[in-house]
Amino acid sequence: MIEKHANMSGMLAPDDLQVLQKIFDIICEKRHIAKNSIEAKREARILLDIYMAGIRSESQLLGMLV
């Protein structure tokens, strides 16, 4: 899921994608969101936007989105 949005927004390294996928999975689990739902797509977009804005700390990202 997160890779589709990442590819639309620019280049990310494999390590970046791993971090984003991990956080996305946690968000979906904690918020009981199906990973293929519209809400999950929205959360993926928000996560990617925040990450691309320069916030790269897993704890900061989780704190903002969970």
C-alpha atoms as a PDB file:
ATOM      1  CA  MET A   1       0.000   0.000   0.000  1.00  0.00           C
ATOM      2  CA  ILE A   2       2.583   2.555   1.059  1.00  0.00           C
ATOM      3  CA  GLU A   3       4.767   1.822  -1.982  1.00  0.00           C
ATOM      4  CA  LYS A   4       2.029   2.925  -4.405  1.00  0.00           C
ATOM      5  CA  HIS A   5       1.836   6.336  -2.754  1.00  0.00           C
ATOM      6  CA  ALA A   6       5.607   6.643  -2.420  1.00  0.00           C
ATOM      7  CA  ASN A   7       6.162   6.030  -6.111  1.00  0.00           C
ATOM      8  CA  MET A   8       3.721   8.818  -6.973  1.00  0.00           C
ATOM      9  CA  SER A   9       5.509  11.301  -4.743  1.00  0.00           C
ATOM     10  CA  GLY A  10       9.150  10.833  -5.626  1.00  0.00           C
ATOM     11  CA  MET A  11      12.099   8.625  -5.011  1.00  0.00           C
ATOM     12  CA  LEU A  12      12.517   6.860  -1.692  1.00  0.00           C
ATOM     13  CA  ALA A  13      15.228   4.429  -0.688  1.00  0.00           C
ATOM     14  CA  PRO A  14      14.310   0.860   0.268  1.00  0.00           C
ATOM     15  CA  ASP A  15      15.113   1.705   3.895  1.00  0.00           C
ATOM     16  CA  ASP A  16      12.618   4.573   3.768  1.00  0.00           C
ATOM     17  CA  LEU A  17       9.939   2.251   2.412  1.00  0.00           C
ATOM     18  CA  GLN A  18      10.621  -0.262   5.182  1.00  0.00           C
ATOM     19  CA  VAL A  19      10.196   2.412   7.836  1.00  0.00           C
ATOM     20  CA  LEU A  20       7.021   3.739   6.231  1.00  0.00           C
ATOM     21  CA  GLN A  21       5.549   0.252   5.832  1.00  0.00           C
ATOM     22  CA  LYS A  22       6.302  -0.580   9.462  1.00  0.00           C
ATOM     23  CA  ILE A  23       4.612   2.590  10.684  1.00  0.00           C
ATOM     24  CA  PHE A  24       1.671   2.125   8.322  1.00  0.00           C
ATOM     25  CA  ASP A  25       1.163  -1.414   9.628  1.00  0.00           C
ATOM     26  CA  ILE A  26       1.218  -0.176  13.225  1.00  0.00           C
ATOM     27  CA  ILE A  27      -1.273   2.604  12.430  1.00  0.00           C
ATOM     28  CA  CYS A  28      -3.661   0.170  10.784  1.00  0.00           C
ATOM     29  CA  GLU A  29      -3.355  -2.323  13.634  1.00  0.00           C
ATOM     30  CA  LYS A  30      -3.827   0.183  16.448  1.00  0.00           C
ATOM     31  CA  ARG A  31      -6.700   1.983  14.725  1.00  0.00           C
ATOM     32  CA  HIS A  32      -8.323  -1.235  13.450  1.00  0.00           C
ATOM     33  CA  ILE A  33      -8.173  -0.098   9.828  1.00  0.00           C
ATOM     34  CA  ALA A  34      -8.249  -2.585   6.958  1.00  0.00           C
ATOM     35  CA  LYS A  35      -5.083  -2.054   4.923  1.00  0.00           C
ATOM     36  CA  ASN A  36      -6.988  -1.912   1.642  1.00  0.00           C
ATOM     37  CA  SER A  37      -9.650   0.526   2.856  1.00  0.00           C
ATOM     38  CA  ILE A  38     -10.169   4.131   1.823  1.00  0.00           C
ATOM     39  CA  GLU A  39      -9.241   5.228   5.337  1.00  0.00           C
ATOM     40  CA  ALA A  40      -5.941   3.310   5.086  1.00  0.00           C
ATOM     41  CA  LYS A  41      -5.178   5.018   1.775  1.00  0.00           C
ATOM     42  CA  ARG A  42      -5.794   8.383   3.413  1.00  0.00           C
ATOM     43  CA  GLU A  43      -3.517   7.482   6.327  1.00  0.00           C
ATOM     44  CA  ALA A  44      -0.796   6.305   3.918  1.00  0.00           C
ATOM     45  CA  ARG A  45      -0.960   9.625   2.083  1.00  0.00           C
ATOM     46  CA  ILE A  46      -0.746  11.596   5.336  1.00  0.00           C
ATOM     47  CA  LEU A  47       2.150   9.465   6.570  1.00  0.00           C
ATOM     48  CA  LEU A  48       4.044   9.936   3.340  1.00  0.00           C
ATOM     49  CA  ASP A  49       3.400  13.686   3.288  1.00  0.00           C
ATOM     50  CA  ILE A  50       4.728  14.056   6.826  1.00  0.00           C
ATOM     51  CA  TYR A  51       7.747  11.880   6.039  1.00  0.00           C
ATOM     52  CA  MET A  52       8.559  13.816   2.888  1.00  0.00           C
ATOM     53  CA  ALA A  53       8.270  17.059   4.875  1.00  0.00           C
ATOM     54  CA  GLY A  54      11.280  15.890   6.883  1.00  0.00           C
ATOM     55  CA  ILE A  55       9.902  14.132   9.933  1.00  0.00           C
ATOM     56  CA  ARG A  56      11.767  10.810   9.848  1.00  0.00           C
ATOM     57  CA  SER A  57      11.697   9.660  13.478  1.00  0.00           C
ATOM     58  CA  GLU A  58       9.519   6.584  13.927  1.00  0.00           C
ATOM     59  CA  SER A  59       8.441   7.732  17.371  1.00  0.00           C
ATOM     60  CA  GLN A  60       7.485  11.188  16.096  1.00  0.00           C
ATOM     61  CA  LEU A  61       5.536   9.752  13.175  1.00  0.00           C
ATOM     62  CA  LEU A  62       3.699   7.306  15.397  1.00  0.00           C
ATOM     63  CA  GLY A  63       3.003  10.037  17.941  1.00  0.00           C
ATOM     64  CA  MET A  64       1.442  12.186  15.238  1.00  0.00           C
ATOM     65  CA  LEU A  65      -0.648   9.477  13.593  1.00  0.00           C
ATOM     66  CA  VAL A  66      -1.698   6.960  16.230  1.00  0.00           C
END
